[in-house]
C-alpha atoms as a PDB file:
ATOM      1  CA  MET A   1      -1.720  -9.917 -10.738  1.00  0.00           C
ATOM      2  CA  ASP A   2      -4.188 -10.155  -7.949  1.00  0.00           C
ATOM      3  CA  ILE A   3      -5.512  -6.655  -7.021  1.00  0.00           C
ATOM      4  CA  ARG A   4      -7.382  -6.929  -3.506  1.00  0.00           C
ATOM      5  CA  ALA A   5      -9.552  -3.578  -3.354  1.00  0.00           C
ATOM      6  CA  LEU A   6      -9.709  -3.042   0.695  1.00  0.00           C
ATOM      7  CA  THR A   7     -11.875   0.150  -0.484  1.00  0.00           C
ATOM      8  CA  PRO A   8     -13.282   1.557  -3.491  1.00  0.00           C
ATOM      9  CA  SER A   9      -9.921   3.940  -2.970  1.00  0.00           C
ATOM     10  CA  TYR A  10      -7.272   1.845  -2.128  1.00  0.00           C
ATOM     11  CA  ALA A  11      -6.234  -1.686  -3.401  1.00  0.00           C
ATOM     12  CA  VAL A  12      -3.156  -3.971  -2.247  1.00  0.00           C
ATOM     13  CA  SER A  13      -1.068  -6.525  -4.253  1.00  0.00           C
ATOM     14  CA  PRO A  14       1.525  -8.959  -3.998  1.00  0.00           C
ATOM     15  CA  GLN A  15       4.640  -7.995  -6.274  1.00  0.00           C
ATOM     16  CA  ILE A  16       3.406  -6.667  -9.410  1.00  0.00           C
ATOM     17  CA  GLU A  17       5.759  -6.781 -13.023  1.00  0.00           C
ATOM     18  CA  ILE A  18       6.204  -3.922 -15.391  1.00  0.00           C
ATOM     19  CA  ALA A  19       3.706  -5.769 -17.979  1.00  0.00           C
ATOM     20  CA  ASP A  20       0.993  -5.197 -15.189  1.00  0.00           C
ATOM     21  CA  LEU A  21       1.075  -1.322 -14.913  1.00  0.00           C
ATOM     22  CA  PRO A  22      -1.432  -0.879 -18.333  1.00  0.00           C
ATOM     23  CA  ALA A  23      -3.712  -3.467 -16.439  1.00  0.00           C
ATOM     24  CA  ILE A  24      -3.383  -1.328 -13.495  1.00  0.00           C
ATOM     25  CA  LYS A  25      -4.255   2.089 -15.103  1.00  0.00           C
ATOM     26  CA  ALA A  26      -6.825   0.483 -17.183  1.00  0.00           C
ATOM     27  CA  ALA A  27      -8.727  -0.688 -13.585  1.00  0.00           C
ATOM     28  CA  GLY A  28      -8.743   2.964 -12.852  1.00  0.00           C
ATOM     29  CA  TYR A  29      -5.827   3.392 -10.407  1.00  0.00           C
ATOM     30  CA  THR A  30      -3.830   6.715 -10.636  1.00  0.00           C
ATOM     31  CA  THR A  31      -1.311   6.073  -7.923  1.00  0.00           C
ATOM     32  CA  VAL A  32       0.694   3.202  -7.401  1.00  0.00           C
ATOM     33  CA  ILE A  33       2.831   2.673  -4.014  1.00  0.00           C
ATOM     34  CA  ASP A  34       5.818   0.411  -4.116  1.00  0.00           C
ATOM     35  CA  ASN A  35       6.379  -0.482  -0.478  1.00  0.00           C
ATOM     36  CA  ARG A  36       8.994  -3.340  -1.165  1.00  0.00           C
ATOM     37  CA  PRO A  37      12.993  -2.379  -0.616  1.00  0.00           C
ATOM     38  CA  ASP A  38      14.898  -2.907  -3.616  1.00  0.00           C
ATOM     39  CA  ALA A  39      17.386  -5.470  -1.413  1.00  0.00           C
ATOM     40  CA  GLU A  40      14.386  -8.014  -1.511  1.00  0.00           C
ATOM     41  CA  ILE A  41      13.802  -8.131  -5.205  1.00  0.00           C
ATOM     42  CA  PRO A  42      15.582  -8.844  -8.515  1.00  0.00           C
ATOM     43  CA  PRO A  43      16.722  -5.775 -10.425  1.00  0.00           C
ATOM     44  CA  PHE A  44      14.209  -5.556 -13.252  1.00  0.00           C
ATOM     45  CA  LEU A  45      11.901  -4.823 -10.556  1.00  0.00           C
ATOM     46  CA  HIS A  46      13.518  -2.194  -8.539  1.00  0.00           C
ATOM     47  CA  THR A  47      12.112   1.579  -7.703  1.00  0.00           C
ATOM     48  CA  ASN A  48      13.757   3.322 -10.550  1.00  0.00           C
ATOM     49  CA  ALA A  49      12.246   0.749 -13.082  1.00  0.00           C
ATOM     50  CA  MET A  50       9.048   0.404 -11.941  1.00  0.00           C
ATOM     51  CA  ARG A  51       9.036   4.171 -11.387  1.00  0.00           C
ATOM     52  CA  ALA A  52       9.984   4.627 -14.821  1.00  0.00           C
ATOM     53  CA  ALA A  53       7.277   2.172 -16.556  1.00  0.00           C
ATOM     54  CA  ALA A  54       4.480   3.462 -14.189  1.00  0.00           C
ATOM     55  CA  GLU A  55       5.193   6.844 -15.199  1.00  0.00           C
ATOM     56  CA  ALA A  56       5.158   5.960 -19.106  1.00  0.00           C
ATOM     57  CA  ALA A  57       1.854   4.422 -18.373  1.00  0.00           C
ATOM     58  CA  GLY A  58       0.360   7.441 -17.096  1.00  0.00           C
ATOM     59  CA  LEU A  59       0.462   6.314 -13.433  1.00  0.00           C
ATOM     60  CA  ARG A  60       1.843   8.540 -10.346  1.00  0.00           C
ATOM     61  CA  PHE A  61       4.174   6.527  -8.693  1.00  0.00           C
ATOM     62  CA  VAL A  62       5.610   6.308  -5.123  1.00  0.00           C
ATOM     63  CA  ALA A  63       8.069   4.666  -3.343  1.00  0.00           C
ATOM     64  CA  ASN A  64       7.784   4.224   0.305  1.00  0.00           C
ATOM     65  CA  PRO A  65      10.165   0.900   1.007  1.00  0.00           C
ATOM     66  CA  VAL A  66       8.802  -0.792   4.072  1.00  0.00           C
ATOM     67  CA  ILE A  67      11.101  -3.433   5.671  1.00  0.00           C
ATOM     68  CA  GLY A  68       9.233  -6.308   6.915  1.00  0.00           C
ATOM     69  CA  GLY A  69       9.227  -6.073  11.031  1.00  0.00           C
ATOM     70  CA  MET A  70      10.807  -2.780  10.937  1.00  0.00           C
ATOM     71  CA  MET A  71       7.941  -0.176   9.788  1.00  0.00           C
ATOM     72  CA  THR A  72       8.561   2.945  10.908  1.00  0.00           C
ATOM     73  CA  MET A  73       6.270   6.147  11.558  1.00  0.00           C
ATOM     74  CA  GLU A  74       7.775   7.734   8.628  1.00  0.00           C
ATOM     75  CA  ASN A  75       6.537   4.803   6.552  1.00  0.00           C
ATOM     76  CA  VAL A  76       3.122   5.559   7.842  1.00  0.00           C
ATOM     77  CA  THR A  77       3.356   9.217   7.299  1.00  0.00           C
ATOM     78  CA  ALA A  78       4.522   8.768   3.735  1.00  0.00           C
ATOM     79  CA  GLN A  79       1.848   6.444   2.989  1.00  0.00           C
ATOM     80  CA  ALA A  80      -1.008   8.864   4.584  1.00  0.00           C
ATOM     81  CA  ALA A  81       0.389  11.554   2.180  1.00  0.00           C
ATOM     82  CA  ALA A  82       0.565   9.471  -0.953  1.00  0.00           C
ATOM     83  CA  ILE A  83      -2.960   8.277  -0.280  1.00  0.00           C
ATOM     84  CA  ALA A  84      -3.918  12.022   0.470  1.00  0.00           C
ATOM     85  CA  GLY A  85      -2.105  13.334  -2.651  1.00  0.00           C
ATOM     86  CA  SER A  86      -3.811  11.036  -5.157  1.00  0.00           C
ATOM     87  CA  ASP A  87      -6.114  12.111  -7.739  1.00  0.00           C
ATOM     88  CA  GLY A  88      -7.692   8.733  -7.568  1.00  0.00           C
ATOM     89  CA  PRO A  89      -7.671   5.260  -6.505  1.00  0.00           C
ATOM     90  CA  VAL A  90      -4.187   4.210  -5.175  1.00  0.00           C
ATOM     91  CA  PHE A  91      -2.694   0.655  -5.784  1.00  0.00           C
ATOM     92  CA  ALA A  92      -0.031  -0.402  -3.265  1.00  0.00           C
ATOM     93  CA  TYR A  93       2.191  -3.371  -3.433  1.00  0.00           C
ATOM     94  CA  CYS A  94       4.660  -5.448  -1.414  1.00  0.00           C
ATOM     95  CA  ALA A  95       5.576  -9.085  -1.274  1.00  0.00           C
ATOM     96  CA  SER A  96       2.391 -10.097  -0.623  1.00  0.00           C
ATOM     97  CA  GLY A  97      -0.101  -7.192  -0.110  1.00  0.00           C
ATOM     98  CA  ASN A  98       0.385  -7.631   3.737  1.00  0.00           C
ATOM     99  CA  ARG A  99       2.611  -4.477   4.474  1.00  0.00           C
ATOM    100  CA  SER A 100       0.897  -2.470   2.231  1.00  0.00           C
ATOM    101  CA  SER A 101      -2.648  -3.108   4.245  1.00  0.00           C
ATOM    102  CA  ILE A 102      -0.879  -2.705   7.487  1.00  0.00           C
ATOM    103  CA  VAL A 103       0.562   0.354   6.619  1.00  0.00           C
ATOM    104  CA  TRP A 104      -3.079   1.489   5.262  1.00  0.00           C
ATOM    105  CA  ALA A 105      -4.458   0.642   8.521  1.00  0.00           C
ATOM    106  CA  LEU A 106      -1.784   2.614  10.520  1.00  0.00           C
ATOM    107  CA  ALA A 107      -2.413   5.557   8.350  1.00  0.00           C
ATOM    108  CA  HIS A 108      -6.330   5.318   9.228  1.00  0.00           C
ATOM    109  CA  ALA A 109      -6.167   4.833  12.813  1.00  0.00           C
ATOM    110  CA  GLY A 110      -8.687   7.289  14.074  1.00  0.00           C
ATOM    111  CA  LYS A 111     -10.387   8.024  10.777  1.00  0.00           C
ATOM    112  CA  LEU A 112     -12.180   4.552  10.592  1.00  0.00           C
ATOM    113  CA  PRO A 113     -13.113   2.213  13.380  1.00  0.00           C
ATOM    114  CA  THR A 114     -10.469  -0.279  14.477  1.00  0.00           C
ATOM    115  CA  ASP A 115     -12.747  -3.187  13.917  1.00  0.00           C
ATOM    116  CA  ASP A 116     -12.913  -2.085  10.209  1.00  0.00           C
ATOM    117  CA  LEU A 117      -8.995  -1.703   9.881  1.00  0.00           C
ATOM    118  CA  ILE A 118      -8.683  -4.958  11.203  1.00  0.00           C
ATOM    119  CA  GLY A 119     -11.537  -6.587   9.503  1.00  0.00           C
ATOM    120  CA  ILE A 120     -11.411  -5.219   6.029  1.00  0.00           C
ATOM    121  CA  PRO A 121      -7.788  -6.520   5.174  1.00  0.00           C
ATOM    122  CA  ALA A 122      -8.918  -9.757   7.147  1.00  0.00           C
ATOM    123  CA  ARG A 123     -11.361 -10.643   3.920  1.00  0.00           C
ATOM    124  CA  PHE A 124      -7.895 -10.932   2.091  1.00  0.00           C
ATOM    125  CA  GLY A 125      -6.156 -12.974   4.795  1.00  0.00           C
ATOM    126  CA  TYR A 126      -4.144 -10.358   6.035  1.00  0.00           C
ATOM    127  CA  GLN A 127      -4.187 -10.837  10.094  1.00  0.00           C
ATOM    128  CA  LEU A 128      -4.007  -7.440  11.557  1.00  0.00           C
ATOM    129  CA  GLU A 129      -5.365  -8.271  15.108  1.00  0.00           C
ATOM    130  CA  GLY A 130      -2.105  -8.030  16.620  1.00  0.00           C
ATOM    131  CA  LEU A 131      -2.022  -4.066  15.756  1.00  0.00           C
ATOM    132  CA  ARG A 132      -5.491  -3.502  17.712  1.00  0.00           C
ATOM    133  CA  ALA A 133      -3.663  -2.072  20.498  1.00  0.00           C
ATOM    134  CA  GLN A 134      -1.393  -0.265  18.572  1.00  0.00           C
ATOM    135  CA  LEU A 135      -4.510   1.047  16.082  1.00  0.00           C
ATOM    136  CA  ASP A 136      -6.602   2.308  19.413  1.00  0.00           C
ATOM    137  CA  ALA A 137      -3.935   4.181  20.783  1.00  0.00           C
ATOM    138  CA  MET A 138      -2.968   6.107  17.630  1.00  0.00           C
ATOM    139  CA  ALA A 139      -6.743   6.628  17.192  1.00  0.00           C
ATOM    140  CA  GLN A 140      -6.827   8.434  20.439  1.00  0.00           C
ATOM    141  CA  ASN A 141      -3.975  10.492  19.757  1.00  0.00           C
ATOM    142  CA  ALA A 142      -5.222  11.231  16.296  1.00  0.00           C
END
């Protein structure tokens, strides 16, 4: 498991396993967001299995499947709601952490400077520069 803390209250990661959940809890995270559609992963990592294990470990679990290249505003709204509804730091995962970074950036458009929304994920190799115009437009409408 590779925890990449974008902020003190939000981290992303490539795909995790059930065995990683106790370490996520021990690291102080209270909510886990699964940004991975079940169709991409083997059954033992599907939403229901991960939810049961996360809840057994004392974590809140939110499923917000983001299809690569087909993210919706509903995904952004759901991610923002899950972050806002968390009683502590949030841990989000997908295949590489990229989608979890993108949906975080879009959910924070207008709340943080666009340069930060692009620059923070870039520290971990996530290239969000292509979202600059969208982030700026969303910030103006926030």
